[in-house]
Amino acid sequence: MMISQVSTQNATFINVLYGISALVTKIQKGYAVTLIDTDAEQIVATKIYPPAMYDQAVAYAKKLANV
């Protein structure tokens, strides 16, 4: 089961099958894409995108969560 939620500033992509989620969060420098192991409740990786690259950040988060 996969769940996606997108708004103008943030996005969350959850892959229950793999126990991971990918978040896009607005930060001062642009957008942070964070991959979280939801089973272990730990951050696995983070990548920062400039403000003009929101669509690319969302696409990368989808790819990470395999949705």
PDB file of N, CA and C in Angstrom:
ATOM      1  N   MET A   1       0.838  -1.173   0.000  1.00  0.00           N
ATOM      2  CA  MET A   1       0.000   0.000   0.000  1.00  0.00           C
ATOM      3  C   MET A   1       0.886   1.241   0.000  1.00  0.00           C
ATOM      4  N   MET A   2       0.593   2.181  -0.883  1.00  0.00           N
ATOM      5  CA  MET A   2       1.363   3.406  -0.971  1.00  0.00           C
ATOM      6  C   MET A   2       0.439   4.603  -0.789  1.00  0.00           C
ATOM      7  N   ILE A   3       0.901   5.607  -0.061  1.00  0.00           N
ATOM      8  CA  ILE A   3       0.110   6.796   0.216  1.00  0.00           C
ATOM      9  C   ILE A   3       0.912   8.007  -0.226  1.00  0.00           C
ATOM     10  N   SER A   4       0.259   8.945  -0.907  1.00  0.00           N
ATOM     11  CA  SER A   4       0.917  10.180  -1.331  1.00  0.00           C
ATOM     12  C   SER A   4       0.087  11.366  -0.890  1.00  0.00           C
ATOM     13  N   GLN A   5       0.757  12.426  -0.448  1.00  0.00           N
ATOM     14  CA  GLN A   5       0.081  13.650  -0.073  1.00  0.00           C
ATOM     15  C   GLN A   5       0.952  14.805  -0.558  1.00  0.00           C
ATOM     16  N   VAL A   6       0.358  15.728  -1.322  1.00  0.00           N
ATOM     17  CA  VAL A   6       1.125  16.842  -1.871  1.00  0.00           C
ATOM     18  C   VAL A   6       0.374  18.140  -1.627  1.00  0.00           C
ATOM     19  N   SER A   7       1.069  19.169  -1.182  1.00  0.00           N
ATOM     20  CA  SER A   7       0.528  20.527  -1.099  1.00  0.00           C
ATOM     21  C   SER A   7       1.522  21.437  -1.809  1.00  0.00           C
ATOM     22  N   THR A   8       1.315  22.743  -1.759  1.00  0.00           N
ATOM     23  CA  THR A   8       2.213  23.647  -2.467  1.00  0.00           C
ATOM     24  C   THR A   8       3.601  23.725  -1.832  1.00  0.00           C
ATOM     25  N   GLN A   9       3.719  23.439  -0.552  1.00  0.00           N
ATOM     26  CA  GLN A   9       5.008  23.575   0.115  1.00  0.00           C
ATOM     27  C   GLN A   9       5.649  22.245   0.494  1.00  0.00           C
ATOM     28  N   ASN A  10       4.855  21.232   0.813  1.00  0.00           N
ATOM     29  CA  ASN A  10       5.402  19.980   1.326  1.00  0.00           C
ATOM     30  C   ASN A  10       4.763  18.784   0.636  1.00  0.00           C
ATOM     31  N   ALA A  11       5.467  17.675   0.672  1.00  0.00           N
ATOM     32  CA  ALA A  11       4.919  16.432   0.129  1.00  0.00           C
ATOM     33  C   ALA A  11       5.424  15.281   0.980  1.00  0.00           C
ATOM     34  N   THR A  12       4.582  14.275   1.123  1.00  0.00           N
ATOM     35  CA  THR A  12       4.943  13.070   1.854  1.00  0.00           C
ATOM     36  C   THR A  12       4.554  11.863   1.018  1.00  0.00           C
ATOM     37  N   PHE A  13       5.498  10.955   0.825  1.00  0.00           N
ATOM     38  CA  PHE A  13       5.248   9.736   0.067  1.00  0.00           C
ATOM     39  C   PHE A  13       5.605   8.556   0.957  1.00  0.00           C
ATOM     40  N   ILE A  14       4.614   7.724   1.257  1.00  0.00           N
ATOM     41  CA  ILE A  14       4.789   6.608   2.184  1.00  0.00           C
ATOM     42  C   ILE A  14       4.644   5.297   1.419  1.00  0.00           C
ATOM     43  N   ASN A  15       5.608   4.418   1.616  1.00  0.00           N
ATOM     44  CA  ASN A  15       5.534   3.085   1.046  1.00  0.00           C
ATOM     45  C   ASN A  15       5.489   2.102   2.221  1.00  0.00           C
ATOM     46  N   VAL A  16       4.278   1.678   2.560  1.00  0.00           N
ATOM     47  CA  VAL A  16       4.079   0.793   3.702  1.00  0.00           C
ATOM     48  C   VAL A  16       4.743  -0.556   3.482  1.00  0.00           C
ATOM     49  N   LEU A  17       4.716  -1.044   2.257  1.00  0.00           N
ATOM     50  CA  LEU A  17       5.302  -2.341   1.932  1.00  0.00           C
ATOM     51  C   LEU A  17       6.791  -2.397   2.278  1.00  0.00           C
ATOM     52  N   TYR A  18       7.522  -1.332   1.959  1.00  0.00           N
ATOM     53  CA  TYR A  18       8.966  -1.287   2.221  1.00  0.00           C
ATOM     54  C   TYR A  18       9.319  -0.631   3.554  1.00  0.00           C
ATOM     55  N   GLY A  19       8.337  -0.069   4.248  1.00  0.00           N
ATOM     56  CA  GLY A  19       8.610   0.574   5.529  1.00  0.00           C
ATOM     57  C   GLY A  19       9.440   1.830   5.412  1.00  0.00           C
ATOM     58  N   ILE A  20       9.168   2.617   4.359  1.00  0.00           N
ATOM     59  CA  ILE A  20       9.911   3.867   4.148  1.00  0.00           C
ATOM     60  C   ILE A  20       8.951   5.005   3.837  1.00  0.00           C
ATOM     61  N   SER A  21       9.432   6.214   4.051  1.00  0.00           N
ATOM     62  CA  SER A  21       8.695   7.398   3.609  1.00  0.00           C
ATOM     63  C   SER A  21       9.703   8.437   3.135  1.00  0.00           C
ATOM     64  N   ALA A  22       9.281   9.230   2.185  1.00  0.00           N
ATOM     65  CA  ALA A  22      10.108  10.318   1.667  1.00  0.00           C
ATOM     66  C   ALA A  22       9.341  11.620   1.865  1.00  0.00           C
ATOM     67  N   LEU A  23       9.991  12.595   2.454  1.00  0.00           N
ATOM     68  CA  LEU A  23       9.365  13.874   2.760  1.00  0.00           C
ATOM     69  C   LEU A  23      10.033  14.995   1.981  1.00  0.00           C
ATOM     70  N   VAL A  24       9.234  15.939   1.502  1.00  0.00           N
ATOM     71  CA  VAL A  24       9.763  17.174   0.918  1.00  0.00           C
ATOM     72  C   VAL A  24       9.340  18.282   1.868  1.00  0.00           C
ATOM     73  N   THR A  25      10.322  18.982   2.407  1.00  0.00           N
ATOM     74  CA  THR A  25      10.073  20.007   3.406  1.00  0.00           C
ATOM     75  C   THR A  25      10.668  21.334   2.959  1.00  0.00           C
ATOM     76  N   LYS A  26       9.897  22.409   3.097  1.00  0.00           N
ATOM     77  CA  LYS A  26      10.392  23.749   2.777  1.00  0.00           C
ATOM     78  C   LYS A  26      11.381  24.165   3.859  1.00  0.00           C
ATOM     79  N   ILE A  27      12.576  24.546   3.434  1.00  0.00           N
ATOM     80  CA  ILE A  27      13.596  25.051   4.352  1.00  0.00           C
ATOM     81  C   ILE A  27      14.088  26.397   3.828  1.00  0.00           C
ATOM     82  N   GLN A  28      14.933  27.058   4.596  1.00  0.00           N
ATOM     83  CA  GLN A  28      15.426  28.379   4.218  1.00  0.00           C
ATOM     84  C   GLN A  28      16.177  28.360   2.883  1.00  0.00           C
ATOM     85  N   LYS A  29      16.915  27.295   2.602  1.00  0.00           N
ATOM     86  CA  LYS A  29      17.717  27.213   1.383  1.00  0.00           C
ATOM     87  C   LYS A  29      16.966  26.628   0.202  1.00  0.00           C
ATOM     88  N   GLY A  30      15.706  26.222   0.384  1.00  0.00           N
ATOM     89  CA  GLY A  30      14.931  25.627  -0.699  1.00  0.00           C
ATOM     90  C   GLY A  30      14.046  24.522  -0.190  1.00  0.00           C
ATOM     91  N   TYR A  31      14.358  23.280  -0.609  1.00  0.00           N
ATOM     92  CA  TYR A  31      13.565  22.120  -0.209  1.00  0.00           C
ATOM     93  C   TYR A  31      14.484  20.978   0.186  1.00  0.00           C
ATOM     94  N   ALA A  32      14.173  20.347   1.306  1.00  0.00           N
ATOM     95  CA  ALA A  32      14.915  19.170   1.751  1.00  0.00           C
ATOM     96  C   ALA A  32      14.095  17.929   1.428  1.00  0.00           C
ATOM     97  N   VAL A  33      14.716  16.964   0.786  1.00  0.00           N
ATOM     98  CA  VAL A  33      14.097  15.663   0.538  1.00  0.00           C
ATOM     99  C   VAL A  33      14.750  14.697   1.521  1.00  0.00           C
ATOM    100  N   THR A  34      13.924  14.089   2.381  1.00  0.00           N
ATOM    101  CA  THR A  34      14.434  13.216   3.421  1.00  0.00           C
ATOM    102  C   THR A  34      13.822  11.828   3.284  1.00  0.00           C
ATOM    103  N   LEU A  35      14.666  10.810   3.248  1.00  0.00           N
ATOM    104  CA  LEU A  35      14.216   9.425   3.220  1.00  0.00           C
ATOM    105  C   LEU A  35      14.283   8.888   4.643  1.00  0.00           C
ATOM    106  N   ILE A  36      13.160   8.325   5.112  1.00  0.00           N
ATOM    107  CA  ILE A  36      13.072   7.823   6.478  1.00  0.00           C
ATOM    108  C   ILE A  36      12.717   6.339   6.464  1.00  0.00           C
ATOM    109  N   ASP A  37      13.461   5.563   7.240  1.00  0.00           N
ATOM    110  CA  ASP A  37      13.118   4.164   7.484  1.00  0.00           C
ATOM    111  C   ASP A  37      12.076   4.195   8.601  1.00  0.00           C
ATOM    112  N   THR A  38      10.815   3.976   8.258  1.00  0.00           N
ATOM    113  CA  THR A  38       9.741   4.107   9.243  1.00  0.00           C
ATOM    114  C   THR A  38       9.734   2.958  10.247  1.00  0.00           C
ATOM    115  N   ASP A  39      10.285   1.825   9.882  1.00  0.00           N
ATOM    116  CA  ASP A  39      10.366   0.707  10.830  1.00  0.00           C
ATOM    117  C   ASP A  39      11.384   1.015  11.929  1.00  0.00           C
ATOM    118  N   ALA A  40      12.543   1.524  11.546  1.00  0.00           N
ATOM    119  CA  ALA A  40      13.604   1.853  12.499  1.00  0.00           C
ATOM    120  C   ALA A  40      13.457   3.271  13.057  1.00  0.00           C
ATOM    121  N   GLU A  41      12.564   4.066  12.438  1.00  0.00           N
ATOM    122  CA  GLU A  41      12.356   5.473  12.818  1.00  0.00           C
ATOM    123  C   GLU A  41      13.659   6.270  12.753  1.00  0.00           C
ATOM    124  N   GLN A  42      14.389   6.098  11.637  1.00  0.00           N
ATOM    125  CA  GLN A  42      15.651   6.801  11.457  1.00  0.00           C
ATOM    126  C   GLN A  42      15.738   7.403  10.064  1.00  0.00           C
ATOM    127  N   ILE A  43      16.435   8.527   9.979  1.00  0.00           N
ATOM    128  CA  ILE A  43      16.697   9.161   8.687  1.00  0.00           C
ATOM    129  C   ILE A  43      17.789   8.376   7.977  1.00  0.00           C
ATOM    130  N   VAL A  44      17.538   8.068   6.709  1.00  0.00           N
ATOM    131  CA  VAL A  44      18.496   7.314   5.905  1.00  0.00           C
ATOM    132  C   VAL A  44      19.326   8.255   5.047  1.00  0.00           C
ATOM    133  N   ALA A  45      18.677   9.273   4.462  1.00  0.00           N
ATOM    134  CA  ALA A  45      19.389  10.197   3.577  1.00  0.00           C
ATOM    135  C   ALA A  45      18.617  11.508   3.472  1.00  0.00           C
ATOM    136  N   THR A  46      19.344  12.566   3.149  1.00  0.00           N
ATOM    137  CA  THR A  46      18.736  13.881   2.917  1.00  0.00           C
ATOM    138  C   THR A  46      19.450  14.548   1.749  1.00  0.00           C
ATOM    139  N   LYS A  47      18.673  15.217   0.902  1.00  0.00           N
ATOM    140  CA  LYS A  47      19.227  15.963  -0.224  1.00  0.00           C
ATOM    141  C   LYS A  47      18.522  17.316  -0.270  1.00  0.00           C
ATOM    142  N   ILE A  48      19.279  18.380  -0.523  1.00  0.00           N
ATOM    143  CA  ILE A  48      18.744  19.740  -0.562  1.00  0.00           C
ATOM    144  C   ILE A  48      18.614  20.210  -2.005  1.00  0.00           C
ATOM    145  N   TYR A  49      17.460  20.802  -2.328  1.00  0.00           N
ATOM    146  CA  TYR A  49      17.214  21.388  -3.652  1.00  0.00           C
ATOM    147  C   TYR A  49      17.006  22.888  -3.499  1.00  0.00           C
ATOM    148  N   PRO A  50      17.473  23.689  -4.468  1.00  0.00           N
ATOM    149  CA  PRO A  50      17.246  25.139  -4.423  1.00  0.00           C
ATOM    150  C   PRO A  50      15.744  25.455  -4.549  1.00  0.00           C
ATOM    151  N   PRO A  51      15.328  26.665  -4.160  1.00  0.00           N
ATOM    152  CA  PRO A  51      13.913  27.045  -4.183  1.00  0.00           C
ATOM    153  C   PRO A  51      13.221  26.844  -5.533  1.00  0.00           C
ATOM    154  N   ALA A  52      13.922  27.038  -6.624  1.00  0.00           N
ATOM    155  CA  ALA A  52      13.305  26.944  -7.955  1.00  0.00           C
ATOM    156  C   ALA A  52      13.109  25.491  -8.412  1.00  0.00           C
ATOM    157  N   MET A  53      13.568  24.516  -7.621  1.00  0.00           N
ATOM    158  CA  MET A  53      13.531  23.113  -8.054  1.00  0.00           C
ATOM    159  C   MET A  53      12.541  22.260  -7.248  1.00  0.00           C
ATOM    160  N   TYR A  54      11.388  22.820  -6.889  1.00  0.00           N
ATOM    161  CA  TYR A  54      10.383  22.073  -6.117  1.00  0.00           C
ATOM    162  C   TYR A  54       9.913  20.827  -6.866  1.00  0.00           C
ATOM    163  N   ASP A  55       9.613  20.962  -8.146  1.00  0.00           N
ATOM    164  CA  ASP A  55       9.116  19.819  -8.919  1.00  0.00           C
ATOM    165  C   ASP A  55      10.145  18.685  -8.970  1.00  0.00           C
ATOM    166  N   GLN A  56      11.408  19.035  -9.106  1.00  0.00           N
ATOM    167  CA  GLN A  56      12.463  18.028  -9.118  1.00  0.00           C
ATOM    168  C   GLN A  56      12.602  17.363  -7.752  1.00  0.00           C
ATOM    169  N   ALA A  57      12.425  18.146  -6.688  1.00  0.00           N
ATOM    170  CA  ALA A  57      12.489  17.590  -5.331  1.00  0.00           C
ATOM    171  C   ALA A  57      11.364  16.583  -5.115  1.00  0.00           C
ATOM    172  N   VAL A  58      10.158  16.911  -5.569  1.00  0.00           N
ATOM    173  CA  VAL A  58       9.020  15.999  -5.440  1.00  0.00           C
ATOM    174  C   VAL A  58       9.256  14.731  -6.267  1.00  0.00           C
ATOM    175  N   ALA A  59       9.774  14.881  -7.474  1.00  0.00           N
ATOM    176  CA  ALA A  59      10.050  13.726  -8.326  1.00  0.00           C
ATOM    177  C   ALA A  59      11.088  12.806  -7.670  1.00  0.00           C
ATOM    178  N   TYR A  60      12.106  13.389  -7.062  1.00  0.00           N
ATOM    179  CA  TYR A  60      13.128  12.592  -6.386  1.00  0.00           C
ATOM    180  C   TYR A  60      12.550  11.864  -5.175  1.00  0.00           C
ATOM    181  N   ALA A  61      11.679  12.543  -4.419  1.00  0.00           N
ATOM    182  CA  ALA A  61      11.034  11.913  -3.258  1.00  0.00           C
ATOM    183  C   ALA A  61      10.172  10.731  -3.694  1.00  0.00           C
ATOM    184  N   LYS A  62       9.442  10.893  -4.793  1.00  0.00           N
ATOM    185  CA  LYS A  62       8.624   9.778  -5.318  1.00  0.00           C
ATOM    186  C   LYS A  62       9.516   8.602  -5.696  1.00  0.00           C
ATOM    187  N   LYS A  63      10.637   8.911  -6.331  1.00  0.00           N
ATOM    188  CA  LYS A  63      11.573   7.862  -6.752  1.00  0.00           C
ATOM    189  C   LYS A  63      12.131   7.129  -5.532  1.00  0.00           C
ATOM    190  N   LEU A  64      12.505   7.872  -4.503  1.00  0.00           N
ATOM    191  CA  LEU A  64      13.046   7.254  -3.295  1.00  0.00           C
ATOM    192  C   LEU A  64      12.030   6.335  -2.623  1.00  0.00           C
ATOM    193  N   ALA A  65      10.774   6.760  -2.579  1.00  0.00           N
ATOM    194  CA  ALA A  65       9.735   5.971  -1.921  1.00  0.00           C
ATOM    195  C   ALA A  65       9.173   4.871  -2.818  1.00  0.00           C
ATOM    196  N   ASN A  66       9.612   4.878  -4.074  1.00  0.00           N
ATOM    197  CA  ASN A  66       9.164   3.871  -5.036  1.00  0.00           C
ATOM    198  C   ASN A  66       7.651   3.931  -5.231  1.00  0.00           C
ATOM    199  N   VAL A  67       7.135   5.151  -5.417  1.00  0.00           N
ATOM    200  CA  VAL A  67       5.689   5.331  -5.679  1.00  0.00           C
ATOM    201  C   VAL A  67       5.474   5.896  -7.067  1.00  0.00           C
TER     202      VAL A  67
END
